[in-house]
PDB file of N, CA and C in Angstrom:
ATOM      1  N   MET A   1     101.606 103.545 137.179  1.00  0.00           N
ATOM      2  CA  MET A   1     100.758 104.694 137.060  1.00  0.00           C
ATOM      3  C   MET A   1      99.524 104.265 136.220  1.00  0.00           C
ATOM      4  N   VAL A   2      98.370 104.565 136.675  1.00  0.00           N
ATOM      5  CA  VAL A   2      97.104 104.229 135.994  1.00  0.00           C
ATOM      6  C   VAL A   2      96.638 105.514 135.221  1.00  0.00           C
ATOM      7  N   TYR A   3      96.403 105.297 133.934  1.00  0.00           N
ATOM      8  CA  TYR A   3      95.999 106.398 133.098  1.00  0.00           C
ATOM      9  C   TYR A   3      94.476 106.468 133.012  1.00  0.00           C
ATOM     10  N   THR A   4      93.902 107.554 133.569  1.00  0.00           N
ATOM     11  CA  THR A   4      92.467 107.786 133.622  1.00  0.00           C
ATOM     12  C   THR A   4      92.170 109.025 132.739  1.00  0.00           C
ATOM     13  N   ALA A   5      91.072 108.966 131.976  1.00  0.00           N
ATOM     14  CA  ALA A   5      90.831 109.968 130.952  1.00  0.00           C
ATOM     15  C   ALA A   5      90.669 111.376 131.561  1.00  0.00           C
ATOM     16  N   GLY A   6      89.873 111.505 132.645  1.00  0.00           N
ATOM     17  CA  GLY A   6      89.615 112.811 133.203  1.00  0.00           C
ATOM     18  C   GLY A   6      90.561 113.229 134.291  1.00  0.00           C
ATOM     19  N   MET A   7      91.569 112.436 134.625  1.00  0.00           N
ATOM     20  CA  MET A   7      92.455 112.691 135.727  1.00  0.00           C
ATOM     21  C   MET A   7      93.428 113.764 135.476  1.00  0.00           C
ATOM     22  N   THR A   8      93.509 114.786 136.330  1.00  0.00           N
ATOM     23  CA  THR A   8      94.513 115.813 136.268  1.00  0.00           C
ATOM     24  C   THR A   8      95.243 115.920 137.555  1.00  0.00           C
ATOM     25  N   GLY A   9      96.358 116.502 137.565  1.00  0.00           N
ATOM     26  CA  GLY A   9      97.192 116.653 138.780  1.00  0.00           C
ATOM     27  C   GLY A   9      98.621 116.516 138.425  1.00  0.00           C
ATOM     28  N   PRO A  10      99.474 116.446 139.462  1.00  0.00           N
ATOM     29  CA  PRO A  10     100.888 116.380 139.196  1.00  0.00           C
ATOM     30  C   PRO A  10     101.365 115.215 138.388  1.00  0.00           C
ATOM     31  N   ASP A  11     100.645 114.064 138.483  1.00  0.00           N
ATOM     32  CA  ASP A  11     101.075 112.873 137.797  1.00  0.00           C
ATOM     33  C   ASP A  11     100.565 112.806 136.381  1.00  0.00           C
ATOM     34  N   ASN A  12      99.336 113.278 136.136  1.00  0.00           N
ATOM     35  CA  ASN A  12      98.732 113.145 134.812  1.00  0.00           C
ATOM     36  C   ASN A  12      98.390 114.483 134.116  1.00  0.00           C
ATOM     37  N   SER A  13      99.065 115.557 134.507  1.00  0.00           N
ATOM     38  CA  SER A  13      98.729 116.910 133.957  1.00  0.00           C
ATOM     39  C   SER A  13      99.080 116.970 132.499  1.00  0.00           C
ATOM     40  N   TRP A  14      99.995 116.061 131.976  1.00  0.00           N
ATOM     41  CA  TRP A  14     100.407 116.066 130.624  1.00  0.00           C
ATOM     42  C   TRP A  14      99.280 115.586 129.654  1.00  0.00           C
ATOM     43  N   HIS A  15      98.333 114.808 130.250  1.00  0.00           N
ATOM     44  CA  HIS A  15      97.317 114.115 129.417  1.00  0.00           C
ATOM     45  C   HIS A  15      96.447 115.173 128.720  1.00  0.00           C
ATOM     46  N   ASP A  16      95.990 116.223 129.401  1.00  0.00           N
ATOM     47  CA  ASP A  16      95.128 117.185 128.809  1.00  0.00           C
ATOM     48  C   ASP A  16      95.885 118.005 127.755  1.00  0.00           C
ATOM     49  N   GLY A  17      97.199 118.229 127.972  1.00  0.00           N
ATOM     50  CA  GLY A  17      98.013 118.941 127.020  1.00  0.00           C
ATOM     51  C   GLY A  17      98.127 118.250 125.694  1.00  0.00           C
ATOM     52  N   ARG A  18      98.254 116.896 125.767  1.00  0.00           N
ATOM     53  CA  ARG A  18      98.319 116.066 124.538  1.00  0.00           C
ATOM     54  C   ARG A  18      97.010 116.181 123.727  1.00  0.00           C
ATOM     55  N   ARG A  19      95.900 116.068 124.509  1.00  0.00           N
ATOM     56  CA  ARG A  19      94.595 116.144 123.793  1.00  0.00           C
ATOM     57  C   ARG A  19      94.376 117.471 123.161  1.00  0.00           C
ATOM     58  N   ALA A  20      94.759 118.515 123.855  1.00  0.00           N
ATOM     59  CA  ALA A  20      94.589 119.877 123.375  1.00  0.00           C
ATOM     60  C   ALA A  20      95.450 120.087 122.106  1.00  0.00           C
ATOM     61  N   THR A  21      96.654 119.562 122.140  1.00  0.00           N
ATOM     62  CA  THR A  21      97.517 119.730 121.014  1.00  0.00           C
ATOM     63  C   THR A  21      97.006 118.993 119.841  1.00  0.00           C
ATOM     64  N   ARG A  22      96.489 117.812 120.020  1.00  0.00           N
ATOM     65  CA  ARG A  22      95.915 116.997 118.942  1.00  0.00           C
ATOM     66  C   ARG A  22      94.703 117.685 118.350  1.00  0.00           C
ATOM     67  N   ARG A  23      93.801 118.311 119.219  1.00  0.00           N
ATOM     68  CA  ARG A  23      92.648 118.979 118.740  1.00  0.00           C
ATOM     69  C   ARG A  23      93.100 120.258 117.966  1.00  0.00           C
ATOM     70  N   HIS A  24      94.085 120.952 118.432  1.00  0.00           N
ATOM     71  CA  HIS A  24      94.624 122.163 117.794  1.00  0.00           C
ATOM     72  C   HIS A  24      95.110 121.860 116.371  1.00  0.00           C
ATOM     73  N   HIS A  25      95.863 120.774 116.244  1.00  0.00           N
ATOM     74  CA  HIS A  25      96.423 120.405 114.923  1.00  0.00           C
ATOM     75  C   HIS A  25      95.325 119.952 113.973  1.00  0.00           C
ATOM     76  N   LYS A  26      94.296 119.234 114.502  1.00  0.00           N
ATOM     77  CA  LYS A  26      93.147 118.851 113.685  1.00  0.00           C
ATOM     78  C   LYS A  26      92.453 120.032 113.117  1.00  0.00           C
ATOM     79  N   ALA A  27      92.121 121.059 113.986  1.00  0.00           N
ATOM     80  CA  ALA A  27      91.536 122.224 113.583  1.00  0.00           C
ATOM     81  C   ALA A  27      92.336 123.084 112.628  1.00  0.00           C
ATOM     82  N   ARG A  28      93.602 123.090 112.815  1.00  0.00           N
ATOM     83  CA  ARG A  28      94.526 123.822 111.904  1.00  0.00           C
ATOM     84  C   ARG A  28      94.492 123.151 110.570  1.00  0.00           C
ATOM     85  N   MET A  29      94.566 121.827 110.495  1.00  0.00           N
ATOM     86  CA  MET A  29      94.542 121.168 109.143  1.00  0.00           C
ATOM     87  C   MET A  29      93.170 121.338 108.484  1.00  0.00           C
ATOM     88  N   LYS A  30      92.092 121.441 109.255  1.00  0.00           N
ATOM     89  CA  LYS A  30      90.752 121.609 108.594  1.00  0.00           C
ATOM     90  C   LYS A  30      90.718 123.046 108.008  1.00  0.00           C
ATOM     91  N   ARG A  31      91.269 123.995 108.706  1.00  0.00           N
ATOM     92  CA  ARG A  31      91.255 125.350 108.196  1.00  0.00           C
ATOM     93  C   ARG A  31      92.069 125.449 106.912  1.00  0.00           C
ATOM     94  N   ARG A  32      93.209 124.804 106.940  1.00  0.00           N
ATOM     95  CA  ARG A  32      94.132 124.747 105.735  1.00  0.00           C
ATOM     96  C   ARG A  32      93.421 124.089 104.564  1.00  0.00           C
ATOM     97  N   ALA A  33      92.710 122.959 104.793  1.00  0.00           N
ATOM     98  CA  ALA A  33      92.025 122.249 103.710  1.00  0.00           C
ATOM     99  C   ALA A  33      90.989 123.131 103.106  1.00  0.00           C
ATOM    100  N   VAL A  34      90.210 123.897 103.870  1.00  0.00           N
ATOM    101  CA  VAL A  34      89.247 124.769 103.373  1.00  0.00           C
ATOM    102  C   VAL A  34      89.847 125.891 102.584  1.00  0.00           C
ATOM    103  N   ALA A  35      90.985 126.403 103.118  1.00  0.00           N
ATOM    104  CA  ALA A  35      91.712 127.528 102.408  1.00  0.00           C
ATOM    105  C   ALA A  35      92.258 127.040 101.062  1.00  0.00           C
ATOM    106  N   VAL A  36      92.723 125.801 100.978  1.00  0.00           N
ATOM    107  CA  VAL A  36      93.381 125.320  99.732  1.00  0.00           C
ATOM    108  C   VAL A  36      92.274 125.000  98.722  1.00  0.00           C
ATOM    109  N   ARG A  37      91.182 124.380  99.201  1.00  0.00           N
ATOM    110  CA  ARG A  37      90.070 124.018  98.289  1.00  0.00           C
ATOM    111  C   ARG A  37      88.808 124.697  98.783  1.00  0.00           C
ATOM    112  N   PRO A  38      88.634 126.020  98.542  1.00  0.00           N
ATOM    113  CA  PRO A  38      87.455 126.708  99.134  1.00  0.00           C
ATOM    114  C   PRO A  38      86.122 126.290  98.487  1.00  0.00           C
ATOM    115  N   HIS A  39      86.133 125.793  97.249  1.00  0.00           N
ATOM    116  CA  HIS A  39      84.901 125.410  96.587  1.00  0.00           C
ATOM    117  C   HIS A  39      84.578 123.934  96.638  1.00  0.00           C
ATOM    118  N   ALA A  40      85.441 123.163  97.231  1.00  0.00           N
ATOM    119  CA  ALA A  40      85.214 121.731  97.316  1.00  0.00           C
ATOM    120  C   ALA A  40      84.248 121.419  98.460  1.00  0.00           C
ATOM    121  N   PRO A  41      83.151 120.662  98.191  1.00  0.00           N
ATOM    122  CA  PRO A  41      82.204 120.390  99.269  1.00  0.00           C
ATOM    123  C   PRO A  41      82.728 119.544 100.395  1.00  0.00           C
ATOM    124  N   GLY A  42      83.707 118.685 100.097  1.00  0.00           N
ATOM    125  CA  GLY A  42      84.185 117.775 101.156  1.00  0.00           C
ATOM    126  C   GLY A  42      85.636 118.133 101.553  1.00  0.00           C
ATOM    127  N   ALA A  43      85.971 119.375 101.559  1.00  0.00           N
ATOM    128  CA  ALA A  43      87.363 119.738 101.866  1.00  0.00           C
ATOM    129  C   ALA A  43      87.776 119.374 103.263  1.00  0.00           C
ATOM    130  N   VAL A  44      86.890 119.467 104.234  1.00  0.00           N
ATOM    131  CA  VAL A  44      87.194 119.106 105.604  1.00  0.00           C
ATOM    132  C   VAL A  44      87.521 117.636 105.795  1.00  0.00           C
ATOM    133  N   LYS A  45      86.896 116.780 104.954  1.00  0.00           N
ATOM    134  CA  LYS A  45      87.138 115.371 105.037  1.00  0.00           C
ATOM    135  C   LYS A  45      88.566 114.991 104.540  1.00  0.00           C
ATOM    136  N   LEU A  46      89.160 115.899 103.747  1.00  0.00           N
ATOM    137  CA  LEU A  46      90.512 115.681 103.223  1.00  0.00           C
ATOM    138  C   LEU A  46      91.575 116.241 104.153  1.00  0.00           C
ATOM    139  N   ALA A  47      91.211 116.753 105.305  1.00  0.00           N
ATOM    140  CA  ALA A  47      92.160 117.433 106.169  1.00  0.00           C
ATOM    141  C   ALA A  47      93.238 116.529 106.727  1.00  0.00           C
ATOM    142  N   ASP A  48      93.029 115.280 106.790  1.00  0.00           N
ATOM    143  CA  ASP A  48      94.036 114.323 107.386  1.00  0.00           C
ATOM    144  C   ASP A  48      95.212 114.190 106.474  1.00  0.00           C
ATOM    145  N   HIS A  49      95.033 114.083 105.175  1.00  0.00           N
ATOM    146  CA  HIS A  49      96.122 113.832 104.276  1.00  0.00           C
ATOM    147  C   HIS A  49      96.192 114.753 103.083  1.00  0.00           C
ATOM    148  N   MET A  50      95.186 115.504 102.803  1.00  0.00           N
ATOM    149  CA  MET A  50      95.151 116.515 101.727  1.00  0.00           C
ATOM    150  C   MET A  50      95.377 115.948 100.313  1.00  0.00           C
ATOM    151  N   ALA A  51      95.329 114.661 100.174  1.00  0.00           N
ATOM    152  CA  ALA A  51      95.468 113.998  98.868  1.00  0.00           C
ATOM    153  C   ALA A  51      94.193 113.336  98.513  1.00  0.00           C
ATOM    154  N   ASN A  52      93.447 113.903  97.505  1.00  0.00           N
ATOM    155  CA  ASN A  52      92.175 113.278  97.173  1.00  0.00           C
ATOM    156  C   ASN A  52      92.221 112.520  95.813  1.00  0.00           C
ATOM    157  N   CYS A  53      93.422 112.437  95.214  1.00  0.00           N
ATOM    158  CA  CYS A  53      93.543 111.676  94.009  1.00  0.00           C
ATOM    159  C   CYS A  53      94.840 110.931  94.006  1.00  0.00           C
ATOM    160  N   SER A  54      95.151 110.288  92.893  1.00  0.00           N
ATOM    161  CA  SER A  54      96.366 109.493  92.790  1.00  0.00           C
ATOM    162  C   SER A  54      97.192 109.917  91.646  1.00  0.00           C
ATOM    163  N   CYS A  55      97.171 111.211  91.327  1.00  0.00           N
ATOM    164  CA  CYS A  55      97.974 111.717  90.208  1.00  0.00           C
ATOM    165  C   CYS A  55      99.418 111.779  90.633  1.00  0.00           C
ATOM    166  N   PHE A  56     100.347 112.131  89.718  1.00  0.00           N
ATOM    167  CA  PHE A  56     101.727 112.110  90.040  1.00  0.00           C
ATOM    168  C   PHE A  56     102.090 113.149  91.163  1.00  0.00           C
ATOM    169  N   MET A  57     101.251 114.155  91.443  1.00  0.00           N
ATOM    170  CA  MET A  57     101.610 115.060  92.459  1.00  0.00           C
ATOM    171  C   MET A  57     101.055 114.678  93.790  1.00  0.00           C
ATOM    172  N   CYS A  58      99.926 113.987  93.823  1.00  0.00           N
ATOM    173  CA  CYS A  58      99.314 113.621  95.099  1.00  0.00           C
ATOM    174  C   CYS A  58      99.581 112.184  95.522  1.00  0.00           C
ATOM    175  N   GLY A  59      99.781 111.244  94.508  1.00  0.00           N
ATOM    176  CA  GLY A  59      99.821 109.867  94.743  1.00  0.00           C
ATOM    177  C   GLY A  59     101.177 109.425  95.361  1.00  0.00           C
ATOM    178  N   HIS A  60     101.294 108.117  95.443  1.00  0.00           N
ATOM    179  CA  HIS A  60     102.507 107.486  95.972  1.00  0.00           C
ATOM    180  C   HIS A  60     103.619 107.653  94.907  1.00  0.00           C
ATOM    181  N   MET A  61     104.734 108.213  95.339  1.00  0.00           N
ATOM    182  CA  MET A  61     105.851 108.502  94.372  1.00  0.00           C
ATOM    183  C   MET A  61     106.475 107.246  93.771  1.00  0.00           C
ATOM    184  N   ARG A  62     106.434 106.143  94.532  1.00  0.00           N
ATOM    185  CA  ARG A  62     107.037 104.904  93.987  1.00  0.00           C
ATOM    186  C   ARG A  62     106.317 104.401  92.786  1.00  0.00           C
ATOM    187  N   ARG A  63     105.046 104.750  92.732  1.00  0.00           N
ATOM    188  CA  ARG A  63     104.199 104.328  91.599  1.00  0.00           C
ATOM    189  C   ARG A  63     104.625 105.042  90.328  1.00  0.00           C
ATOM    190  N   TRP A  64     105.073 106.232  90.414  1.00  0.00           N
ATOM    191  CA  TRP A  64     105.435 107.062  89.241  1.00  0.00           C
ATOM    192  C   TRP A  64     106.928 107.053  88.943  1.00  0.00           C
ATOM    193  N   GLN A  65     107.785 106.966  90.011  1.00  0.00           N
ATOM    194  CA  GLN A  65     109.203 107.026  89.819  1.00  0.00           C
ATOM    195  C   GLN A  65     109.976 105.731  90.010  1.00  0.00           C
ATOM    196  N   GLY A  66     109.289 104.720  90.416  1.00  0.00           N
ATOM    197  CA  GLY A  66     109.892 103.421  90.666  1.00  0.00           C
ATOM    198  C   GLY A  66     110.494 103.314  92.032  1.00  0.00           C
ATOM    199  N   PRO A  67     111.304 102.330  92.332  1.00  0.00           N
ATOM    200  CA  PRO A  67     111.858 102.171  93.617  1.00  0.00           C
ATOM    201  C   PRO A  67     112.899 103.235  93.986  1.00  0.00           C
ATOM    202  N   THR A  68     113.044 103.515  95.217  1.00  0.00           N
ATOM    203  CA  THR A  68     113.961 104.535  95.629  1.00  0.00           C
ATOM    204  C   THR A  68     115.437 104.025  95.475  1.00  0.00           C
ATOM    205  N   LEU A  69     116.391 104.939  95.565  1.00  0.00           N
ATOM    206  CA  LEU A  69     117.794 104.596  95.429  1.00  0.00           C
ATOM    207  C   LEU A  69     118.169 103.548  96.481  1.00  0.00           C
ATOM    208  N   GLN A  70     117.690 103.786  97.660  1.00  0.00           N
ATOM    209  CA  GLN A  70     117.997 102.848  98.795  1.00  0.00           C
ATOM    210  C   GLN A  70     117.488 101.470  98.493  1.00  0.00           C
ATOM    211  N   GLU A  71     116.315 101.345  97.910  1.00  0.00           N
ATOM    212  CA  GLU A  71     115.726 100.032  97.603  1.00  0.00           C
ATOM    213  C   GLU A  71     116.445  99.365  96.442  1.00  0.00           C
ATOM    214  N   ARG A  72     116.892 100.186  95.463  1.00  0.00           N
ATOM    215  CA  ARG A  72     117.651  99.671  94.373  1.00  0.00           C
ATOM    216  C   ARG A  72     119.035  99.124  94.845  1.00  0.00           C
ATOM    217  N   ARG A  73     119.615  99.824  95.787  1.00  0.00           N
ATOM    218  CA  ARG A  73     120.916  99.329  96.333  1.00  0.00           C
ATOM    219  C   ARG A  73     120.732  98.014  97.145  1.00  0.00           C
ATOM    220  N   ALA A  74     119.629  97.993  97.897  1.00  0.00           N
ATOM    221  CA  ALA A  74     119.397  96.800  98.767  1.00  0.00           C
ATOM    222  C   ALA A  74     119.128  95.565  97.952  1.00  0.00           C
ATOM    223  N   PHE A  75     118.392  95.655  96.877  1.00  0.00           N
ATOM    224  CA  PHE A  75     118.110  94.464  96.055  1.00  0.00           C
ATOM    225  C   PHE A  75     118.792  94.590  94.745  1.00  0.00           C
ATOM    226  N   GLN A  76     119.993  94.132  94.603  1.00  0.00           N
ATOM    227  CA  GLN A  76     120.789  94.160  93.405  1.00  0.00           C
ATOM    228  C   GLN A  76     120.226  93.231  92.378  1.00  0.00           C
ATOM    229  N   PRO A  77     120.441  93.514  91.108  1.00  0.00           N
ATOM    230  CA  PRO A  77     119.826  92.589  90.056  1.00  0.00           C
ATOM    231  C   PRO A  77     120.403  91.258  90.004  1.00  0.00           C
ATOM    232  N   ASP A  78     121.640  91.047  90.538  1.00  0.00           N
ATOM    233  CA  ASP A  78     122.224  89.731  90.521  1.00  0.00           C
ATOM    234  C   ASP A  78     121.727  88.861  91.652  1.00  0.00           C
ATOM    235  N   GLY A  79     120.726  89.306  92.441  1.00  0.00           N
ATOM    236  CA  GLY A  79     120.137  88.431  93.436  1.00  0.00           C
ATOM    237  C   GLY A  79     120.704  88.612  94.867  1.00  0.00           C
ATOM    238  N   ARG A  80     121.753  89.374  94.941  1.00  0.00           N
ATOM    239  CA  ARG A  80     122.366  89.604  96.286  1.00  0.00           C
ATOM    240  C   ARG A  80     121.479  90.596  97.056  1.00  0.00           C
ATOM    241  N   HIS A  81     121.500  90.340  98.316  1.00  0.00           N
ATOM    242  CA  HIS A  81     120.769  91.275  99.239  1.00  0.00           C
ATOM    243  C   HIS A  81     121.817  91.825 100.235  1.00  0.00           C
ATOM    244  N   GLN A  82     122.081  93.127 100.155  1.00  0.00           N
ATOM    245  CA  GLN A  82     123.051  93.765 100.985  1.00  0.00           C
ATOM    246  C   GLN A  82     122.417  94.311 102.189  1.00  0.00           C
ATOM    247  N   ALA A  83     122.483  93.550 103.288  1.00  0.00           N
ATOM    248  CA  ALA A  83     121.860  94.023 104.550  1.00  0.00           C
ATOM    249  C   ALA A  83     122.925  94.721 105.384  1.00  0.00           C
ATOM    250  N   ALA A  84     122.474  95.670 106.245  1.00  0.00           N
ATOM    251  CA  ALA A  84     123.402  96.450 107.068  1.00  0.00           C
ATOM    252  C   ALA A  84     124.045  95.651 108.105  1.00  0.00           C
ATOM    253  N   ASP A  85     123.426  94.551 108.553  1.00  0.00           N
ATOM    254  CA  ASP A  85     123.989  93.753 109.697  1.00  0.00           C
ATOM    255  C   ASP A  85     124.971  92.655 109.207  1.00  0.00           C
ATOM    256  N   ASP A  86     125.175  92.530 107.856  1.00  0.00           N
ATOM    257  CA  ASP A  86     126.131  91.530 107.353  1.00  0.00           C
ATOM    258  C   ASP A  86     127.535  91.921 107.569  1.00  0.00           C
TER     259      ASP A  86
END
């Protein structure tokens, strides 16, 4: 099947639905960003991830809390690596 951008019909009718859904979610996130930060001038630019800083609430949790329990179990301090396929 060949995927063409403007093609609709029984074979490619799903294509426009995906685009519409993607646009809907993008507009929804922009509205939410403006609602959360009404006075921020660039609130719409933050709509993709809503994190504009790297504090302990917005940033990467591994930076503040260290490795996850799964990572600590995988890499034991004695040098062993416990893989699932062993």
